[in-house]
Amino acid sequence: MQELIKLVTEKAGISESQAKSAVETVVSFIKDKLPGGMGGQVESFLSGNAGKIGDAFDTLKDKAGDLFK
């Protein structure tokens, strides 16, 4: 999750604490909207323990990262 916080800090031009709050808010929102069990997978992915689901999320993250260029 630290990598995402750093990206938000850089791209939005806000402090690390503001970016952390924003990222945590968005992650919480996403986890609440996902079917049961998937929220834990999101948390695992963001903490670097993604396993197989991580491959799909890595692809998604790469594509989403292109939006900020």
Protein backbone atom coordinates (compact mmCIF):
# COMPACT_ATOMS: atom_id res chain seq x y z
CA MET A 1 0.00 0.00 0.00
CA GLN A 2 2.98 2.26 0.57
CA GLU A 3 3.69 2.25 -3.17
CA LEU A 4 0.15 3.49 -3.87
CA ILE A 5 0.43 6.17 -1.18
CA LYS A 6 3.69 7.36 -2.73
CA LEU A 7 2.09 7.49 -6.18
CA VAL A 8 -0.88 9.50 -4.90
CA THR A 9 1.48 11.86 -3.05
CA GLU A 10 3.47 12.51 -6.20
CA LYS A 11 0.60 12.73 -8.69
CA ALA A 12 -1.80 14.75 -6.54
CA GLY A 13 0.86 16.96 -4.97
CA ILE A 14 -0.39 16.32 -1.43
CA SER A 15 1.33 15.30 1.78
CA GLU A 16 1.98 11.67 2.59
CA SER A 17 -0.51 11.77 5.47
CA GLN A 18 -3.20 13.19 3.17
CA ALA A 19 -2.44 10.55 0.53
CA LYS A 20 -2.55 7.80 3.15
CA SER A 21 -5.96 8.98 4.31
CA ALA A 22 -7.23 9.13 0.73
CA VAL A 23 -5.90 5.68 -0.15
CA GLU A 24 -7.30 4.12 3.02
CA THR A 25 -10.69 5.69 2.30
CA VAL A 26 -10.77 4.39 -1.28
CA VAL A 27 -9.57 0.91 -0.26
CA SER A 28 -12.23 0.74 2.43
CA PHE A 29 -14.90 1.81 -0.06
CA ILE A 30 -13.79 -0.81 -2.58
CA LYS A 31 -13.63 -3.57 0.02
CA ASP A 32 -17.16 -2.72 1.20
CA LYS A 33 -18.50 -2.99 -2.36
CA LEU A 34 -16.89 -6.34 -3.19
CA PRO A 35 -18.50 -9.72 -2.51
CA GLY A 36 -17.47 -11.50 0.68
CA GLY A 37 -13.90 -12.70 0.76
CA MET A 38 -12.66 -10.47 -2.02
CA GLY A 39 -11.96 -7.59 0.36
CA GLY A 40 -9.31 -9.73 2.01
CA GLN A 41 -7.75 -10.41 -1.37
CA VAL A 42 -7.55 -6.68 -2.05
CA GLU A 43 -5.86 -6.19 1.32
CA SER A 44 -3.41 -9.02 0.57
CA PHE A 45 -2.61 -7.54 -2.81
CA LEU A 46 -1.93 -4.11 -1.38
CA SER A 47 0.32 -5.54 1.32
CA GLY A 48 2.35 -7.51 -1.24
CA ASN A 49 0.98 -10.99 -0.43
CA ALA A 50 -1.19 -11.39 -3.50
CA GLY A 51 -0.48 -14.89 -4.77
CA LYS A 52 -2.27 -15.87 -8.01
CA ILE A 53 -4.78 -13.06 -7.80
CA GLY A 54 -1.80 -10.73 -7.74
CA ASP A 55 -1.01 -11.45 -11.37
CA ALA A 56 -4.40 -10.15 -12.46
CA PHE A 57 -4.14 -7.15 -10.15
CA ASP A 58 -0.62 -6.39 -11.38
CA THR A 59 -1.96 -6.19 -14.92
CA LEU A 60 -4.81 -3.97 -13.76
CA LYS A 61 -2.43 -1.79 -11.73
CA ASP A 62 -0.15 -1.34 -14.76
CA LYS A 63 -3.07 -0.33 -16.94
CA ALA A 64 -4.47 2.02 -14.28
CA GLY A 65 -1.03 3.55 -13.81
CA ASP A 66 -1.10 4.60 -17.46
CA LEU A 67 -4.07 6.81 -16.64
CA PHE A 68 -1.87 8.98 -14.44
CA LYS A 69 0.85 9.62 -17.05
